[in-house]
Structures are given as C-alpha cells and as structure tokens.
Amino acid sequence: MHTSTRPSAWADWAKNYPTPLPPAPEQTFEHFYLSLQAAASGLGVAMGPRALVHDDLEAGRLTAPLGFRPDGSTYLLMTPLPARDDRVTALVSWLREQAQGNA
C-alpha cells in the first residue's frame, strides 16, 4: 500500500535491499495513517514512520519484520518568531528527549 504524501517511499526503500519486491496489487491512501490502519486491518503491507506505528507495534497489531532504516526525511518545528512561550520551550525539550530515546 502506498501513501500520496510519499509516493516514492517503496521505491526508495527497495534501493537498500538486493532482492526486488515481488509484484503485488497496489492501493494508494491519502496519508500514512490510513495505509497503516489498512495494514493493521489485514488489507496488505504498508510502511510508515516509527512514531506513527509505535503503539501498533507495542500492541502486536503490526510488525516491522525488517526493522527501521533512516530515509533522510526531516521534520521541523516551526513557530512565529520569537518563540518564547513556556509551552513551546517545554514542547521543544520533550521532542529532543523523544528523539534521543529513538536514536
């Protein structure tokens, strides 16, 4: 299963594996979340960010048979300047802690 937001995700992933992917029916969803829900419902195989599949992995609804690999994507936190609000500072600290725990 594919997602509209990352149409080349499977092709990019396959570049890291010597065995080509077997042909299979394809279905495209608008967002990773929807493709992951379809996979958890048994409709096929999907890929997605670790943060989106963490709970499903822990609960045994999904599995990552080949683990996770960096794909070069980057996520940014953006706020209006200046971002001096205590809540923003707390969020940035929490995000950094989470990123270090998943490295």
C-alpha atoms as a PDB file:
ATOM      1  CA  MET A   1       0.000   0.000   0.000  1.00  0.00           C
ATOM      2  CA  HIS A   2       1.180   3.482  -0.822  1.00  0.00           C
ATOM      3  CA  THR A   3       0.560   6.962   0.509  1.00  0.00           C
ATOM      4  CA  SER A   4       0.000  10.087  -1.573  1.00  0.00           C
ATOM      5  CA  THR A   5       2.265  12.102   0.687  1.00  0.00           C
ATOM      6  CA  ARG A   6       5.294   9.877  -0.081  1.00  0.00           C
ATOM      7  CA  PRO A   7       4.661   8.261  -3.482  1.00  0.00           C
ATOM      8  CA  SER A   8       8.271   7.074  -3.878  1.00  0.00           C
ATOM      9  CA  ALA A   9       8.573   5.544  -0.379  1.00  0.00           C
ATOM     10  CA  TRP A  10       8.540   1.920  -1.563  1.00  0.00           C
ATOM     11  CA  ALA A  11      10.971   2.580  -4.426  1.00  0.00           C
ATOM     12  CA  ASP A  12      13.303   4.464  -2.064  1.00  0.00           C
ATOM     13  CA  TRP A  13      13.106   1.641   0.473  1.00  0.00           C
ATOM     14  CA  ALA A  14      13.752  -1.022  -2.166  1.00  0.00           C
ATOM     15  CA  LYS A  15      17.043   0.635  -3.169  1.00  0.00           C
ATOM     16  CA  ASN A  16      18.527  -0.633   0.126  1.00  0.00           C
ATOM     17  CA  TYR A  17      17.636  -4.285  -0.483  1.00  0.00           C
ATOM     18  CA  PRO A  18      19.226  -6.570  -3.075  1.00  0.00           C
ATOM     19  CA  THR A  19      16.077  -8.640  -3.619  1.00  0.00           C
ATOM     20  CA  PRO A  20      13.471  -6.911  -5.780  1.00  0.00           C
ATOM     21  CA  LEU A  21       9.972  -6.535  -4.429  1.00  0.00           C
ATOM     22  CA  PRO A  22       7.550  -9.072  -5.893  1.00  0.00           C
ATOM     23  CA  PRO A  23       4.711  -7.707  -8.000  1.00  0.00           C
ATOM     24  CA  ALA A  24       1.591  -7.084  -5.969  1.00  0.00           C
ATOM     25  CA  PRO A  25      -1.711  -5.214  -6.254  1.00  0.00           C
ATOM     26  CA  GLU A  26      -1.353  -1.588  -5.226  1.00  0.00           C
ATOM     27  CA  GLN A  27      -3.621   0.790  -3.391  1.00  0.00           C
ATOM     28  CA  THR A  28      -2.901   4.432  -2.541  1.00  0.00           C
ATOM     29  CA  PHE A  29      -4.113   6.242   0.559  1.00  0.00           C
ATOM     30  CA  GLU A  30      -4.018   9.963   1.277  1.00  0.00           C
ATOM     31  CA  HIS A  31      -1.873   9.681   4.414  1.00  0.00           C
ATOM     32  CA  PHE A  32       0.435   7.228   6.164  1.00  0.00           C
ATOM     33  CA  TYR A  33      -2.093   6.854   8.960  1.00  0.00           C
ATOM     34  CA  LEU A  34      -4.747   5.486   6.598  1.00  0.00           C
ATOM     35  CA  SER A  35      -2.396   2.995   4.956  1.00  0.00           C
ATOM     36  CA  LEU A  36      -1.207   1.846   8.385  1.00  0.00           C
ATOM     37  CA  GLN A  37      -4.790   1.354   9.552  1.00  0.00           C
ATOM     38  CA  ALA A  38      -5.454  -0.707   6.423  1.00  0.00           C
ATOM     39  CA  ALA A  39      -2.372  -2.838   7.159  1.00  0.00           C
ATOM     40  CA  ALA A  40      -3.445  -3.317  10.788  1.00  0.00           C
ATOM     41  CA  SER A  41      -6.827  -4.471   9.446  1.00  0.00           C
ATOM     42  CA  GLY A  42      -5.123  -7.120   7.327  1.00  0.00           C
ATOM     43  CA  LEU A  43      -5.555  -5.472   3.919  1.00  0.00           C
ATOM     44  CA  GLY A  44      -1.899  -5.554   2.921  1.00  0.00           C
ATOM     45  CA  VAL A  45       1.603  -4.311   3.644  1.00  0.00           C
ATOM     46  CA  ALA A  46       2.392  -0.668   4.360  1.00  0.00           C
ATOM     47  CA  MET A  47       5.298   1.390   5.541  1.00  0.00           C
ATOM     48  CA  GLY A  48       5.354   4.392   7.790  1.00  0.00           C
ATOM     49  CA  PRO A  49       7.305   6.436  10.294  1.00  0.00           C
ATOM     50  CA  ARG A  50       8.220   4.758  13.561  1.00  0.00           C
ATOM     51  CA  ALA A  51       6.339   7.414  15.518  1.00  0.00           C
ATOM     52  CA  LEU A  52       3.095   6.503  13.751  1.00  0.00           C
ATOM     53  CA  VAL A  53       3.459   2.738  14.234  1.00  0.00           C
ATOM     54  CA  HIS A  54       4.922   2.653  17.742  1.00  0.00           C
ATOM     55  CA  ASP A  55       1.642   1.896  19.539  1.00  0.00           C
ATOM     56  CA  ASP A  56       0.586  -0.704  16.954  1.00  0.00           C
ATOM     57  CA  LEU A  57       3.976  -2.420  17.253  1.00  0.00           C
ATOM     58  CA  GLU A  58       3.747  -2.468  21.040  1.00  0.00           C
ATOM     59  CA  ALA A  59       0.203  -3.872  20.906  1.00  0.00           C
ATOM     60  CA  GLY A  60       1.140  -6.512  18.324  1.00  0.00           C
ATOM     61  CA  ARG A  61      -1.246  -5.162  15.662  1.00  0.00           C
ATOM     62  CA  LEU A  62       1.697  -4.528  13.302  1.00  0.00           C
ATOM     63  CA  THR A  63       5.214  -5.876  12.980  1.00  0.00           C
ATOM     64  CA  ALA A  64       8.355  -4.449  11.401  1.00  0.00           C
ATOM     65  CA  PRO A  65       9.947  -7.633  10.026  1.00  0.00           C
ATOM     66  CA  LEU A  66      12.964  -5.803   8.596  1.00  0.00           C
ATOM     67  CA  GLY A  67      13.231  -3.116  11.257  1.00  0.00           C
ATOM     68  CA  PHE A  68      13.567   0.590  10.575  1.00  0.00           C
ATOM     69  CA  ARG A  69      16.088   2.440   8.465  1.00  0.00           C
ATOM     70  CA  PRO A  70      16.766   6.167   8.163  1.00  0.00           C
ATOM     71  CA  ASP A  71      15.321   7.546   4.945  1.00  0.00           C
ATOM     72  CA  GLY A  72      16.696  11.064   5.033  1.00  0.00           C
ATOM     73  CA  SER A  73      13.387  12.719   5.846  1.00  0.00           C
ATOM     74  CA  THR A  74      13.389  15.613   8.257  1.00  0.00           C
ATOM     75  CA  TYR A  75      10.670  17.053  10.437  1.00  0.00           C
ATOM     76  CA  LEU A  76      10.760  20.666  11.551  1.00  0.00           C
ATOM     77  CA  LEU A  77       9.018  22.505  14.360  1.00  0.00           C
ATOM     78  CA  MET A  78       8.056  25.999  13.247  1.00  0.00           C
ATOM     79  CA  THR A  79       6.588  28.827  15.299  1.00  0.00           C
ATOM     80  CA  PRO A  80       6.129  32.540  14.800  1.00  0.00           C
ATOM     81  CA  LEU A  81       9.176  34.486  15.916  1.00  0.00           C
ATOM     82  CA  PRO A  82      10.025  34.833  18.707  1.00  0.00           C
ATOM     83  CA  ALA A  83       9.017  31.517  20.269  1.00  0.00           C
ATOM     84  CA  ARG A  84       9.458  32.407  23.920  1.00  0.00           C
ATOM     85  CA  ASP A  85       6.269  30.864  25.226  1.00  0.00           C
ATOM     86  CA  ASP A  86       6.957  28.402  28.079  1.00  0.00           C
ATOM     87  CA  ARG A  87       4.722  25.818  26.407  1.00  0.00           C
ATOM     88  CA  VAL A  88       6.812  25.962  23.223  1.00  0.00           C
ATOM     89  CA  THR A  89      10.018  25.635  25.231  1.00  0.00           C
ATOM     90  CA  ALA A  90       8.576  22.615  27.067  1.00  0.00           C
ATOM     91  CA  LEU A  91       7.493  21.045  23.769  1.00  0.00           C
ATOM     92  CA  VAL A  92      10.941  21.519  22.228  1.00  0.00           C
ATOM     93  CA  SER A  93      12.577  19.917  25.277  1.00  0.00           C
ATOM     94  CA  TRP A  94      10.184  16.976  25.154  1.00  0.00           C
ATOM     95  CA  LEU A  95      10.734  16.463  21.412  1.00  0.00           C
ATOM     96  CA  ARG A  96      14.504  16.431  21.922  1.00  0.00           C
ATOM     97  CA  GLU A  97      14.167  13.842  24.687  1.00  0.00           C
ATOM     98  CA  GLN A  98      11.968  11.678  22.460  1.00  0.00           C
ATOM     99  CA  ALA A  99      14.389  11.947  19.542  1.00  0.00           C
ATOM    100  CA  GLN A 100      17.314  10.875  21.720  1.00  0.00           C
ATOM    101  CA  GLY A 101      15.342   7.910  23.030  1.00  0.00           C
ATOM    102  CA  ASN A 102      14.560   6.686  19.496  1.00  0.00           C
ATOM    103  CA  ALA A 103      18.010   7.159  18.017  1.00  0.00           C
END
